[in-house]
Amino acid sequence: MRNTLRNLNDRFSHFIGTQNYYVHFSRGFVFTDGVKAVADQYQAYWLIDVIASHQTNKKIRTKYFQIWTIFSTGDKAFIEMRPDSDQPVLVKQHIPFTDFPEGMMTMYYIDDGSNKVLLLPSEY
């Protein structure tokens, strides 16, 4: 499935860096202009909330670099997280219904010790 899905990040590749940071309601991290654009365009603030919900898990929150990817086909999707591209999946969550567009999208969650930021790969 992964090889046949279009990369939705391509539509947002013009986001390089950010001018604004938006505080997630959990106050646990901030997200960038690019992530906000994805959430606005696809009505997907729930995706940010899913990532936030996993940060309560000690096994997850101790990973300073997290690669989050959503794979969406039709009205179903799943989200997975790896601590790096060559590492095994630590989180895999099935989304039984979504109107997220068909394709795949990746976001990075980075904890540098003083800041926690959710961003698009092009903003890294």
PDB file of N, CA and C in Angstrom:
ATOM      1  N   MET A   1       0.819  -1.188   0.000  1.00  0.00           N
ATOM      2  CA  MET A   1       0.000   0.000   0.000  1.00  0.00           C
ATOM      3  C   MET A   1       0.863   1.253   0.000  1.00  0.00           C
ATOM      4  N   ARG A   2       1.916   1.289   0.779  1.00  0.00           N
ATOM      5  CA  ARG A   2       2.742   2.479   0.923  1.00  0.00           C
ATOM      6  C   ARG A   2       3.329   2.956  -0.398  1.00  0.00           C
ATOM      7  N   ASN A   3       3.760   2.028  -1.230  1.00  0.00           N
ATOM      8  CA  ASN A   3       4.410   2.402  -2.480  1.00  0.00           C
ATOM      9  C   ASN A   3       3.442   2.994  -3.495  1.00  0.00           C
ATOM     10  N   THR A   4       2.162   2.709  -3.362  1.00  0.00           N
ATOM     11  CA  THR A   4       1.193   3.189  -4.336  1.00  0.00           C
ATOM     12  C   THR A   4       0.510   4.484  -3.914  1.00  0.00           C
ATOM     13  N   LEU A   5       0.690   4.924  -2.689  1.00  0.00           N
ATOM     14  CA  LEU A   5       0.038   6.140  -2.214  1.00  0.00           C
ATOM     15  C   LEU A   5       0.831   7.375  -2.625  1.00  0.00           C
ATOM     16  N   ARG A   6       0.115   8.432  -2.987  1.00  0.00           N
ATOM     17  CA  ARG A   6       0.814   9.670  -3.334  1.00  0.00           C
ATOM     18  C   ARG A   6       1.277  10.368  -2.063  1.00  0.00           C
ATOM     19  N   ASN A   7       2.373  11.082  -2.198  1.00  0.00           N
ATOM     20  CA  ASN A   7       2.957  11.779  -1.060  1.00  0.00           C
ATOM     21  C   ASN A   7       2.285  13.139  -0.920  1.00  0.00           C
ATOM     22  N   LEU A   8       1.450  13.290   0.087  1.00  0.00           N
ATOM     23  CA  LEU A   8       0.729  14.538   0.307  1.00  0.00           C
ATOM     24  C   LEU A   8       1.645  15.659   0.789  1.00  0.00           C
ATOM     25  N   ASN A   9       2.836  15.320   1.264  1.00  0.00           N
ATOM     26  CA  ASN A   9       3.787  16.355   1.676  1.00  0.00           C
ATOM     27  C   ASN A   9       4.176  17.244   0.493  1.00  0.00           C
ATOM     28  N   ASP A  10       4.121  16.702  -0.718  1.00  0.00           N
ATOM     29  CA  ASP A  10       4.504  17.484  -1.897  1.00  0.00           C
ATOM     30  C   ASP A  10       3.689  18.766  -2.015  1.00  0.00           C
ATOM     31  N   ARG A  11       2.428  18.699  -1.635  1.00  0.00           N
ATOM     32  CA  ARG A  11       1.547  19.874  -1.722  1.00  0.00           C
ATOM     33  C   ARG A  11       1.966  20.978  -0.752  1.00  0.00           C
ATOM     34  N   PHE A  12       2.712  20.628   0.279  1.00  0.00           N
ATOM     35  CA  PHE A  12       3.098  21.586   1.318  1.00  0.00           C
ATOM     36  C   PHE A  12       4.605  21.822   1.354  1.00  0.00           C
ATOM     37  N   SER A  13       5.293  21.438   0.301  1.00  0.00           N
ATOM     38  CA  SER A  13       6.760  21.531   0.293  1.00  0.00           C
ATOM     39  C   SER A  13       7.276  22.965   0.269  1.00  0.00           C
ATOM     40  N   HIS A  14       6.404  23.927  -0.006  1.00  0.00           N
ATOM     41  CA  HIS A  14       6.827  25.328   0.014  1.00  0.00           C
ATOM     42  C   HIS A  14       6.984  25.870   1.434  1.00  0.00           C
ATOM     43  N   PHE A  15       6.557  25.103   2.421  1.00  0.00           N
ATOM     44  CA  PHE A  15       6.785  25.500   3.815  1.00  0.00           C
ATOM     45  C   PHE A  15       8.210  25.104   4.185  1.00  0.00           C
ATOM     46  N   ILE A  16       9.072  26.096   4.286  1.00  0.00           N
ATOM     47  CA  ILE A  16      10.472  25.865   4.675  1.00  0.00           C
ATOM     48  C   ILE A  16      10.742  26.780   5.863  1.00  0.00           C
ATOM     49  N   GLY A  17      10.914  26.200   7.023  1.00  0.00           N
ATOM     50  CA  GLY A  17      10.981  27.006   8.235  1.00  0.00           C
ATOM     51  C   GLY A  17       9.577  27.449   8.601  1.00  0.00           C
ATOM     52  N   THR A  18       9.465  28.273   9.623  1.00  0.00           N
ATOM     53  CA  THR A  18       8.161  28.775  10.042  1.00  0.00           C
ATOM     54  C   THR A  18       8.322  30.169  10.601  1.00  0.00           C
ATOM     55  N   GLN A  19       7.276  30.961  10.504  1.00  0.00           N
ATOM     56  CA  GLN A  19       7.285  32.289  11.113  1.00  0.00           C
ATOM     57  C   GLN A  19       6.522  32.286  12.423  1.00  0.00           C
ATOM     58  N   ASN A  20       5.655  31.314  12.598  1.00  0.00           N
ATOM     59  CA  ASN A  20       4.806  31.251  13.788  1.00  0.00           C
ATOM     60  C   ASN A  20       4.850  29.860  14.396  1.00  0.00           C
ATOM     61  N   TYR A  21       4.639  29.828  15.688  1.00  0.00           N
ATOM     62  CA  TYR A  21       4.463  28.568  16.404  1.00  0.00           C
ATOM     63  C   TYR A  21       3.111  28.631  17.094  1.00  0.00           C
ATOM     64  N   TYR A  22       2.372  27.558  17.005  1.00  0.00           N
ATOM     65  CA  TYR A  22       1.034  27.479  17.572  1.00  0.00           C
ATOM     66  C   TYR A  22       1.066  26.481  18.719  1.00  0.00           C
ATOM     67  N   VAL A  23       0.571  26.902  19.867  1.00  0.00           N
ATOM     68  CA  VAL A  23       0.610  26.056  21.053  1.00  0.00           C
ATOM     69  C   VAL A  23      -0.550  25.070  20.997  1.00  0.00           C
ATOM     70  N   HIS A  24      -0.234  23.787  21.099  1.00  0.00           N
ATOM     71  CA  HIS A  24      -1.282  22.770  21.165  1.00  0.00           C
ATOM     72  C   HIS A  24      -2.018  22.936  22.488  1.00  0.00           C
ATOM     73  N   PHE A  25      -3.313  22.655  22.502  1.00  0.00           N
ATOM     74  CA  PHE A  25      -4.103  22.878  23.711  1.00  0.00           C
ATOM     75  C   PHE A  25      -3.564  22.125  24.918  1.00  0.00           C
ATOM     76  N   SER A  26      -2.846  21.045  24.696  1.00  0.00           N
ATOM     77  CA  SER A  26      -2.265  20.280  25.808  1.00  0.00           C
ATOM     78  C   SER A  26      -1.107  21.027  26.452  1.00  0.00           C
ATOM     79  N   ARG A  27      -0.629  22.076  25.787  1.00  0.00           N
ATOM     80  CA  ARG A  27       0.528  22.876  26.216  1.00  0.00           C
ATOM     81  C   ARG A  27       1.812  22.057  26.224  1.00  0.00           C
ATOM     82  N   GLY A  28       1.755  20.856  25.663  1.00  0.00           N
ATOM     83  CA  GLY A  28       2.924  19.989  25.658  1.00  0.00           C
ATOM     84  C   GLY A  28       3.911  20.284  24.545  1.00  0.00           C
ATOM     85  N   PHE A  29       3.447  20.940  23.479  1.00  0.00           N
ATOM     86  CA  PHE A  29       4.323  21.225  22.346  1.00  0.00           C
ATOM     87  C   PHE A  29       3.707  22.312  21.477  1.00  0.00           C
ATOM     88  N   VAL A  30       4.481  22.760  20.511  1.00  0.00           N
ATOM     89  CA  VAL A  30       4.000  23.728  19.529  1.00  0.00           C
ATOM     90  C   VAL A  30       4.061  23.086  18.144  1.00  0.00           C
ATOM     91  N   PHE A  31       3.324  23.666  17.205  1.00  0.00           N
ATOM     92  CA  PHE A  31       3.410  23.201  15.823  1.00  0.00           C
ATOM     93  C   PHE A  31       3.589  24.403  14.901  1.00  0.00           C
ATOM     94  N   THR A  32       4.048  24.122  13.709  1.00  0.00           N
ATOM     95  CA  THR A  32       4.501  25.149  12.778  1.00  0.00           C
ATOM     96  C   THR A  32       3.410  25.585  11.795  1.00  0.00           C
ATOM     97  N   ASP A  33       3.765  26.597  10.996  1.00  0.00           N
ATOM     98  CA  ASP A  33       2.857  27.075   9.945  1.00  0.00           C
ATOM     99  C   ASP A  33       2.465  25.947   8.992  1.00  0.00           C
ATOM    100  N   GLY A  34       3.412  25.100   8.638  1.00  0.00           N
ATOM    101  CA  GLY A  34       3.126  24.002   7.717  1.00  0.00           C
ATOM    102  C   GLY A  34       2.134  23.008   8.285  1.00  0.00           C
ATOM    103  N   VAL A  35       2.318  22.625   9.538  1.00  0.00           N
ATOM    104  CA  VAL A  35       1.391  21.691  10.189  1.00  0.00           C
ATOM    105  C   VAL A  35       0.009  22.330  10.311  1.00  0.00           C
ATOM    106  N   LYS A  36      -0.031  23.621  10.652  1.00  0.00           N
ATOM    107  CA  LYS A  36      -1.316  24.329  10.732  1.00  0.00           C
ATOM    108  C   LYS A  36      -2.001  24.349   9.362  1.00  0.00           C
ATOM    109  N   ALA A  37      -1.233  24.555   8.299  1.00  0.00           N
ATOM    110  CA  ALA A  37      -1.809  24.564   6.951  1.00  0.00           C
ATOM    111  C   ALA A  37      -2.416  23.204   6.602  1.00  0.00           C
ATOM    112  N   VAL A  38      -1.742  22.127   6.969  1.00  0.00           N
ATOM    113  CA  VAL A  38      -2.274  20.776   6.745  1.00  0.00           C
ATOM    114  C   VAL A  38      -3.577  20.603   7.525  1.00  0.00           C
ATOM    115  N   ALA A  39      -3.557  20.985   8.804  1.00  0.00           N
ATOM    116  CA  ALA A  39      -4.744  20.838   9.650  1.00  0.00           C
ATOM    117  C   ALA A  39      -5.908  21.668   9.112  1.00  0.00           C
ATOM    118  N   ASP A  40      -5.620  22.887   8.651  1.00  0.00           N
ATOM    119  CA  ASP A  40      -6.672  23.736   8.087  1.00  0.00           C
ATOM    120  C   ASP A  40      -7.189  23.173   6.761  1.00  0.00           C
ATOM    121  N   GLN A  41      -6.285  22.820   5.869  1.00  0.00           N
ATOM    122  CA  GLN A  41      -6.660  22.348   4.532  1.00  0.00           C
ATOM    123  C   GLN A  41      -7.475  21.055   4.588  1.00  0.00           C
ATOM    124  N   TYR A  42      -7.074  20.140   5.447  1.00  0.00           N
ATOM    125  CA  TYR A  42      -7.698  18.820   5.501  1.00  0.00           C
ATOM    126  C   TYR A  42      -8.621  18.633   6.710  1.00  0.00           C
ATOM    127  N   GLN A  43      -8.873  19.714   7.436  1.00  0.00           N
ATOM    128  CA  GLN A  43      -9.680  19.630   8.660  1.00  0.00           C
ATOM    129  C   GLN A  43      -9.167  18.492   9.531  1.00  0.00           C
ATOM    130  N   ALA A  44      -7.873  18.547   9.809  1.00  0.00           N
ATOM    131  CA  ALA A  44      -7.199  17.421  10.466  1.00  0.00           C
ATOM    132  C   ALA A  44      -6.503  17.815  11.767  1.00  0.00           C
ATOM    133  N   TYR A  45      -7.140  18.688  12.536  1.00  0.00           N
ATOM    134  CA  TYR A  45      -6.565  18.975  13.855  1.00  0.00           C
ATOM    135  C   TYR A  45      -6.568  17.713  14.710  1.00  0.00           C
ATOM    136  N   TRP A  46      -7.464  16.798  14.391  1.00  0.00           N
ATOM    137  CA  TRP A  46      -7.504  15.519  15.104  1.00  0.00           C
ATOM    138  C   TRP A  46      -6.183  14.765  14.966  1.00  0.00           C
ATOM    139  N   LEU A  47      -5.499  14.932  13.829  1.00  0.00           N
ATOM    140  CA  LEU A  47      -4.220  14.252  13.620  1.00  0.00           C
ATOM    141  C   LEU A  47      -3.170  14.774  14.608  1.00  0.00           C
ATOM    142  N   ILE A  48      -3.161  16.078  14.824  1.00  0.00           N
ATOM    143  CA  ILE A  48      -2.259  16.669  15.821  1.00  0.00           C
ATOM    144  C   ILE A  48      -2.609  16.125  17.203  1.00  0.00           C
ATOM    145  N   ASP A  49      -3.903  16.006  17.484  1.00  0.00           N
ATOM    146  CA  ASP A  49      -4.346  15.477  18.781  1.00  0.00           C
ATOM    147  C   ASP A  49      -3.918  14.024  18.977  1.00  0.00           C
ATOM    148  N   VAL A  50      -3.973  13.226  17.923  1.00  0.00           N
ATOM    149  CA  VAL A  50      -3.524  11.826  18.014  1.00  0.00           C
ATOM    150  C   VAL A  50      -2.049  11.781  18.397  1.00  0.00           C
ATOM    151  N   ILE A  51      -1.235  12.589  17.735  1.00  0.00           N
ATOM    152  CA  ILE A  51       0.195  12.630  18.050  1.00  0.00           C
ATOM    153  C   ILE A  51       0.399  13.079  19.489  1.00  0.00           C
ATOM    154  N   ALA A  52      -0.352  14.090  19.920  1.00  0.00           N
ATOM    155  CA  ALA A  52      -0.256  14.575  21.303  1.00  0.00           C
ATOM    156  C   ALA A  52      -0.634  13.484  22.294  1.00  0.00           C
ATOM    157  N   SER A  53      -1.658  12.707  21.982  1.00  0.00           N
ATOM    158  CA  SER A  53      -2.127  11.680  22.918  1.00  0.00           C
ATOM    159  C   SER A  53      -1.067  10.624  23.187  1.00  0.00           C
ATOM    160  N   HIS A  54      -0.225  10.357  22.226  1.00  0.00           N
ATOM    161  CA  HIS A  54       0.818   9.343  22.408  1.00  0.00           C
ATOM    162  C   HIS A  54       2.011   9.864  23.207  1.00  0.00           C
ATOM    163  N   GLN A  55       2.095  11.172  23.390  1.00  0.00           N
ATOM    164  CA  GLN A  55       3.219  11.734  24.140  1.00  0.00           C
ATOM    165  C   GLN A  55       3.094  11.462  25.637  1.00  0.00           C
ATOM    166  N   THR A  56       1.949  10.970  26.081  1.00  0.00           N
ATOM    167  CA  THR A  56       1.794  10.601  27.493  1.00  0.00           C
ATOM    168  C   THR A  56       2.443   9.254  27.800  1.00  0.00           C
ATOM    169  N   ASN A  57       2.740   8.487  26.767  1.00  0.00           N
ATOM    170  CA  ASN A  57       3.382   7.180  26.914  1.00  0.00           C
ATOM    171  C   ASN A  57       4.888   7.388  27.081  1.00  0.00           C
ATOM    172  N   LYS A  58       5.434   6.939  28.205  1.00  0.00           N
ATOM    173  CA  LYS A  58       6.859   7.156  28.489  1.00  0.00           C
ATOM    174  C   LYS A  58       7.755   6.581  27.396  1.00  0.00           C
ATOM    175  N   LYS A  59       7.383   5.437  26.866  1.00  0.00           N
ATOM    176  CA  LYS A  59       8.160   4.793  25.799  1.00  0.00           C
ATOM    177  C   LYS A  59       8.259   5.702  24.566  1.00  0.00           C
ATOM    178  N   ILE A  60       7.228   6.504  24.338  1.00  0.00           N
ATOM    179  CA  ILE A  60       7.189   7.395  23.178  1.00  0.00           C
ATOM    180  C   ILE A  60       7.832   8.733  23.501  1.00  0.00           C
ATOM    181  N   ARG A  61       7.448   9.350  24.611  1.00  0.00           N
ATOM    182  CA  ARG A  61       7.925  10.706  24.897  1.00  0.00           C
ATOM    183  C   ARG A  61       9.427  10.785  25.146  1.00  0.00           C
ATOM    184  N   THR A  62      10.078   9.667  25.408  1.00  0.00           N
ATOM    185  CA  THR A  62      11.530   9.694  25.596  1.00  0.00           C
ATOM    186  C   THR A  62      12.285   9.690  24.267  1.00  0.00           C
ATOM    187  N   LYS A  63      11.568   9.548  23.173  1.00  0.00           N
ATOM    188  CA  LYS A  63      12.191   9.588  21.843  1.00  0.00           C
ATOM    189  C   LYS A  63      12.273  11.049  21.404  1.00  0.00           C
ATOM    190  N   TYR A  64      13.478  11.586  21.329  1.00  0.00           N
ATOM    191  CA  TYR A  64      13.648  13.005  21.009  1.00  0.00           C
ATOM    192  C   TYR A  64      13.327  13.324  19.547  1.00  0.00           C
ATOM    193  N   PHE A  65      13.355  12.317  18.682  1.00  0.00           N
ATOM    194  CA  PHE A  65      13.006  12.504  17.273  1.00  0.00           C
ATOM    195  C   PHE A  65      11.990  11.436  16.905  1.00  0.00           C
ATOM    196  N   GLN A  66      10.836  11.866  16.403  1.00  0.00           N
ATOM    197  CA  GLN A  66       9.761  10.938  16.055  1.00  0.00           C
ATOM    198  C   GLN A  66       9.282  11.239  14.637  1.00  0.00           C
ATOM    199  N   ILE A  67       9.143  10.204  13.854  1.00  0.00           N
ATOM    200  CA  ILE A  67       8.610  10.343  12.496  1.00  0.00           C
ATOM    201  C   ILE A  67       7.193   9.774  12.498  1.00  0.00           C
ATOM    202  N   TRP A  68       6.209  10.650  12.317  1.00  0.00           N
ATOM    203  CA  TRP A  68       4.805  10.261  12.299  1.00  0.00           C
ATOM    204  C   TRP A  68       4.311  10.264  10.855  1.00  0.00           C
ATOM    205  N   THR A  69       3.678   9.176  10.444  1.00  0.00           N
ATOM    206  CA  THR A  69       3.167   9.075   9.080  1.00  0.00           C
ATOM    207  C   THR A  69       1.735   8.568   9.114  1.00  0.00           C
ATOM    208  N   ILE A  70       0.875   9.245   8.353  1.00  0.00           N
ATOM    209  CA  ILE A  70      -0.494   8.770   8.173  1.00  0.00           C
ATOM    210  C   ILE A  70      -0.602   8.195   6.767  1.00  0.00           C
ATOM    211  N   PHE A  71      -1.211   7.035   6.686  1.00  0.00           N
ATOM    212  CA  PHE A  71      -1.490   6.358   5.422  1.00  0.00           C
ATOM    213  C   PHE A  71      -3.011   6.296   5.297  1.00  0.00           C
ATOM    214  N   SER A  72      -3.564   6.938   4.286  1.00  0.00           N
ATOM    215  CA  SER A  72      -5.009   7.041   4.153  1.00  0.00           C
ATOM    216  C   SER A  72      -5.466   6.478   2.812  1.00  0.00           C
ATOM    217  N   THR A  73      -6.453   5.593   2.871  1.00  0.00           N
ATOM    218  CA  THR A  73      -7.062   5.034   1.664  1.00  0.00           C
ATOM    219  C   THR A  73      -8.567   5.034   1.859  1.00  0.00           C
ATOM    220  N   GLY A  74      -9.267   5.654   0.945  1.00  0.00           N
ATOM    221  CA  GLY A  74     -10.719   5.699   1.073  1.00  0.00           C
ATOM    222  C   GLY A  74     -11.118   6.415   2.341  1.00  0.00           C
ATOM    223  N   ASP A  75     -11.899   5.745   3.166  1.00  0.00           N
ATOM    224  CA  ASP A  75     -12.339   6.367   4.413  1.00  0.00           C
ATOM    225  C   ASP A  75     -11.636   5.786   5.638  1.00  0.00           C
ATOM    226  N   LYS A  76     -10.565   5.041   5.423  1.00  0.00           N
ATOM    227  CA  LYS A  76      -9.809   4.430   6.521  1.00  0.00           C
ATOM    228  C   LYS A  76      -8.365   4.905   6.464  1.00  0.00           C
ATOM    229  N   ALA A  77      -7.706   4.823   7.616  1.00  0.00           N
ATOM    230  CA  ALA A  77      -6.300   5.238   7.665  1.00  0.00           C
ATOM    231  C   ALA A  77      -5.616   4.539   8.822  1.00  0.00           C
ATOM    232  N   PHE A  78      -4.305   4.597   8.823  1.00  0.00           N
ATOM    233  CA  PHE A  78      -3.559   4.236  10.015  1.00  0.00           C
ATOM    234  C   PHE A  78      -2.387   5.186  10.144  1.00  0.00           C
ATOM    235  N   ILE A  79      -1.979   5.344  11.373  1.00  0.00           N
ATOM    236  CA  ILE A  79      -0.885   6.251  11.718  1.00  0.00           C
ATOM    237  C   ILE A  79       0.194   5.414  12.371  1.00  0.00           C
ATOM    238  N   GLU A  80       1.435   5.678  11.999  1.00  0.00           N
ATOM    239  CA  GLU A  80       2.533   4.975  12.647  1.00  0.00           C
ATOM    240  C   GLU A  80       3.631   5.958  13.019  1.00  0.00           C
ATOM    241  N   MET A  81       4.418   5.565  14.020  1.00  0.00           N
ATOM    242  CA  MET A  81       5.538   6.378  14.465  1.00  0.00           C
ATOM    243  C   MET A  81       6.771   5.514  14.589  1.00  0.00           C
ATOM    244  N   ARG A  82       7.862   6.040  14.067  1.00  0.00           N
ATOM    245  CA  ARG A  82       9.188   5.430  14.196  1.00  0.00           C
ATOM    246  C   ARG A  82      10.109   6.480  14.803  1.00  0.00           C
ATOM    247  N   PRO A  83      11.076   6.056  15.608  1.00  0.00           N
ATOM    248  CA  PRO A  83      12.032   7.033  16.137  1.00  0.00           C
ATOM    249  C   PRO A  83      13.063   7.471  15.100  1.00  0.00           C
ATOM    250  N   ASP A  84      13.182   6.756  14.014  1.00  0.00           N
ATOM    251  CA  ASP A  84      14.027   7.141  12.882  1.00  0.00           C
ATOM    252  C   ASP A  84      13.647   6.251  11.708  1.00  0.00           C
ATOM    253  N   SER A  85      14.038   6.623  10.518  1.00  0.00           N
ATOM    254  CA  SER A  85      13.577   5.904   9.329  1.00  0.00           C
ATOM    255  C   SER A  85      14.040   4.456   9.270  1.00  0.00           C
ATOM    256  N   ASP A  86      15.142   4.140   9.938  1.00  0.00           N
ATOM    257  CA  ASP A  86      15.645   2.763   9.916  1.00  0.00           C
ATOM    258  C   ASP A  86      15.271   1.977  11.175  1.00  0.00           C
ATOM    259  N   GLN A  87      14.388   2.533  11.984  1.00  0.00           N
ATOM    260  CA  GLN A  87      13.972   1.903  13.237  1.00  0.00           C
ATOM    261  C   GLN A  87      12.591   1.266  13.081  1.00  0.00           C
ATOM    262  N   PRO A  88      12.290   0.289  13.940  1.00  0.00           N
ATOM    263  CA  PRO A  88      10.970  -0.343  13.863  1.00  0.00           C
ATOM    264  C   PRO A  88       9.856   0.608  14.322  1.00  0.00           C
ATOM    265  N   VAL A  89       8.656   0.307  13.892  1.00  0.00           N
ATOM    266  CA  VAL A  89       7.478   1.080  14.274  1.00  0.00           C
ATOM    267  C   VAL A  89       7.206   0.876  15.760  1.00  0.00           C
ATOM    268  N   LEU A  90       7.012   1.974  16.498  1.00  0.00           N
ATOM    269  CA  LEU A  90       6.678   1.895  17.924  1.00  0.00           C
ATOM    270  C   LEU A  90       5.194   2.125  18.174  1.00  0.00           C
ATOM    271  N   VAL A  91       4.550   2.849  17.275  1.00  0.00           N
ATOM    272  CA  VAL A  91       3.118   3.122  17.401  1.00  0.00           C
ATOM    273  C   VAL A  91       2.470   2.806  16.063  1.00  0.00           C
ATOM    274  N   LYS A  92       1.359   2.108  16.122  1.00  0.00           N
ATOM    275  CA  LYS A  92       0.534   1.912  14.931  1.00  0.00           C
ATOM    276  C   LYS A  92      -0.911   2.002  15.393  1.00  0.00           C
ATOM    277  N   GLN A  93      -1.612   3.005  14.910  1.00  0.00           N
ATOM    278  CA  GLN A  93      -2.990   3.227  15.321  1.00  0.00           C
ATOM    279  C   GLN A  93      -3.896   3.236  14.100  1.00  0.00           C
ATOM    280  N   HIS A  94      -4.909   2.409  14.139  1.00  0.00           N
ATOM    281  CA  HIS A  94      -5.897   2.336  13.065  1.00  0.00           C
ATOM    282  C   HIS A  94      -6.923   3.450  13.264  1.00  0.00           C
ATOM    283  N   ILE A  95      -7.269   4.127  12.201  1.00  0.00           N
ATOM    284  CA  ILE A  95      -8.320   5.148  12.218  1.00  0.00           C
ATOM    285  C   ILE A  95      -9.475   4.569  11.398  1.00  0.00           C
ATOM    286  N   PRO A  96     -10.569   4.155  12.067  1.00  0.00           N
ATOM    287  CA  PRO A  96     -11.628   3.436  11.360  1.00  0.00           C
ATOM    288  C   PRO A  96     -12.412   4.284  10.359  1.00  0.00           C
ATOM    289  N   PHE A  97     -12.447   5.601  10.561  1.00  0.00           N
ATOM    290  CA  PHE A  97     -13.118   6.464   9.593  1.00  0.00           C
ATOM    291  C   PHE A  97     -12.400   7.798   9.536  1.00  0.00           C
ATOM    292  N   THR A  98     -12.169   8.286   8.324  1.00  0.00           N
ATOM    293  CA  THR A  98     -11.556   9.601   8.140  1.00  0.00           C
ATOM    294  C   THR A  98     -11.929  10.156   6.776  1.00  0.00           C
ATOM    295  N   ASP A  99     -11.923  11.476   6.682  1.00  0.00           N
ATOM    296  CA  ASP A  99     -12.070  12.122   5.380  1.00  0.00           C
ATOM    297  C   ASP A  99     -10.739  12.735   4.940  1.00  0.00           C
ATOM    298  N   PHE A 100      -9.661  12.312   5.598  1.00  0.00           N
ATOM    299  CA  PHE A 100      -8.320  12.737   5.194  1.00  0.00           C
ATOM    300  C   PHE A 100      -8.104  12.258   3.762  1.00  0.00           C
ATOM    301  N   PRO A 101      -7.491  13.076   2.910  1.00  0.00           N
ATOM    302  CA  PRO A 101      -7.344  12.656   1.510  1.00  0.00           C
ATOM    303  C   PRO A 101      -6.479  11.412   1.354  1.00  0.00           C
ATOM    304  N   GLU A 102      -6.745  10.678   0.306  1.00  0.00           N
ATOM    305  CA  GLU A 102      -5.984   9.460   0.064  1.00  0.00           C
ATOM    306  C   GLU A 102      -4.529   9.802  -0.227  1.00  0.00           C
ATOM    307  N   GLY A 103      -3.649   9.104   0.455  1.00  0.00           N
ATOM    308  CA  GLY A 103      -2.218   9.323   0.292  1.00  0.00           C
ATOM    309  C   GLY A 103      -1.502   9.104   1.603  1.00  0.00           C
ATOM    310  N   MET A 104      -0.261   9.564   1.642  1.00  0.00           N
ATOM    311  CA  MET A 104       0.504   9.470   2.882  1.00  0.00           C
ATOM    312  C   MET A 104       1.118  10.829   3.180  1.00  0.00           C
ATOM    313  N   MET A 105       1.252  11.119   4.465  1.00  0.00           N
ATOM    314  CA  MET A 105       1.843  12.375   4.898  1.00  0.00           C
ATOM    315  C   MET A 105       2.696  12.115   6.119  1.00  0.00           C
ATOM    316  N   THR A 106       3.840  12.782   6.177  1.00  0.00           N
ATOM    317  CA  THR A 106       4.778  12.614   7.279  1.00  0.00           C
ATOM    318  C   THR A 106       4.959  13.928   8.019  1.00  0.00           C
ATOM    319  N   MET A 107       5.071  13.817   9.339  1.00  0.00           N
ATOM    320  CA  MET A 107       5.400  14.946  10.202  1.00  0.00           C
ATOM    321  C   MET A 107       6.492  14.498  11.158  1.00  0.00           C
ATOM    322  N   TYR A 108       7.298  15.445  11.595  1.00  0.00           N
ATOM    323  CA  TYR A 108       8.342  15.165  12.579  1.00  0.00           C
ATOM    324  C   TYR A 108       7.961  15.813  13.900  1.00  0.00           C
ATOM    325  N   TYR A 109       8.192  15.086  14.974  1.00  0.00           N
ATOM    326  CA  TYR A 109       8.046  15.623  16.333  1.00  0.00           C
ATOM    327  C   TYR A 109       9.447  15.618  16.925  1.00  0.00           C
ATOM    328  N   ILE A 110       9.922  16.795  17.303  1.00  0.00           N
ATOM    329  CA  ILE A 110      11.297  16.929  17.780  1.00  0.00           C
ATOM    330  C   ILE A 110      11.299  17.540  19.174  1.00  0.00           C
ATOM    331  N   ASP A 111      12.042  16.923  20.066  1.00  0.00           N
ATOM    332  CA  ASP A 111      12.243  17.429  21.429  1.00  0.00           C
ATOM    333  C   ASP A 111      13.730  17.680  21.599  1.00  0.00           C
ATOM    334  N   ASP A 112      14.123  18.959  21.617  1.00  0.00           N
ATOM    335  CA  ASP A 112      15.549  19.282  21.739  1.00  0.00           C
ATOM    336  C   ASP A 112      15.974  19.502  23.191  1.00  0.00           C
ATOM    337  N   GLY A 113      15.107  19.150  24.125  1.00  0.00           N
ATOM    338  CA  GLY A 113      15.423  19.311  25.535  1.00  0.00           C
ATOM    339  C   GLY A 113      14.756  20.528  26.149  1.00  0.00           C
ATOM    340  N   SER A 114      14.553  21.565  25.353  1.00  0.00           N
ATOM    341  CA  SER A 114      13.869  22.752  25.869  1.00  0.00           C
ATOM    342  C   SER A 114      12.604  23.075  25.077  1.00  0.00           C
ATOM    343  N   ASN A 115      12.523  22.602  23.854  1.00  0.00           N
ATOM    344  CA  ASN A 115      11.346  22.840  23.015  1.00  0.00           C
ATOM    345  C   ASN A 115      10.882  21.537  22.377  1.00  0.00           C
ATOM    346  N   LYS A 116       9.569  21.425  22.239  1.00  0.00           N
ATOM    347  CA  LYS A 116       8.968  20.279  21.550  1.00  0.00           C
ATOM    348  C   LYS A 116       8.151  20.845  20.399  1.00  0.00           C
ATOM    349  N   VAL A 117       8.493  20.422  19.184  1.00  0.00           N
ATOM    350  CA  VAL A 117       7.893  21.013  17.990  1.00  0.00           C
ATOM    351  C   VAL A 117       7.427  19.920  17.031  1.00  0.00           C
ATOM    352  N   LEU A 118       6.220  20.089  16.502  1.00  0.00           N
ATOM    353  CA  LEU A 118       5.696  19.241  15.436  1.00  0.00           C
ATOM    354  C   LEU A 118       5.805  20.037  14.135  1.00  0.00           C
ATOM    355  N   LEU A 119       6.471  19.466  13.122  1.00  0.00           N
ATOM    356  CA  LEU A 119       6.727  20.191  11.885  1.00  0.00           C
ATOM    357  C   LEU A 119       6.698  19.263  10.684  1.00  0.00           C
ATOM    358  N   LEU A 120       6.638  19.856   9.523  1.00  0.00           N
ATOM    359  CA  LEU A 120       6.720  19.092   8.282  1.00  0.00           C
ATOM    360  C   LEU A 120       8.180  18.846   7.934  1.00  0.00           C
ATOM    361  N   PRO A 121       8.474  17.778   7.209  1.00  0.00           N
ATOM    362  CA  PRO A 121       9.866  17.519   6.826  1.00  0.00           C
ATOM    363  C   PRO A 121      10.518  18.692   6.084  1.00  0.00           C
ATOM    364  N   SER A 122       9.762  19.394   5.265  1.00  0.00           N
ATOM    365  CA  SER A 122      10.331  20.532   4.526  1.00  0.00           C
ATOM    366  C   SER A 122      10.689  21.702   5.441  1.00  0.00           C
ATOM    367  N   GLU A 123      10.148  21.701   6.655  1.00  0.00           N
ATOM    368  CA  GLU A 123      10.445  22.766   7.619  1.00  0.00           C
ATOM    369  C   GLU A 123      11.624  22.411   8.517  1.00  0.00           C
ATOM    370  N   TYR A 124      12.138  21.217   8.387  1.00  0.00           N
ATOM    371  CA  TYR A 124      13.225  20.724   9.248  1.00  0.00           C
ATOM    372  C   TYR A 124      14.540  21.387   8.898  1.00  0.00           C
TER     373      TYR A 124
END
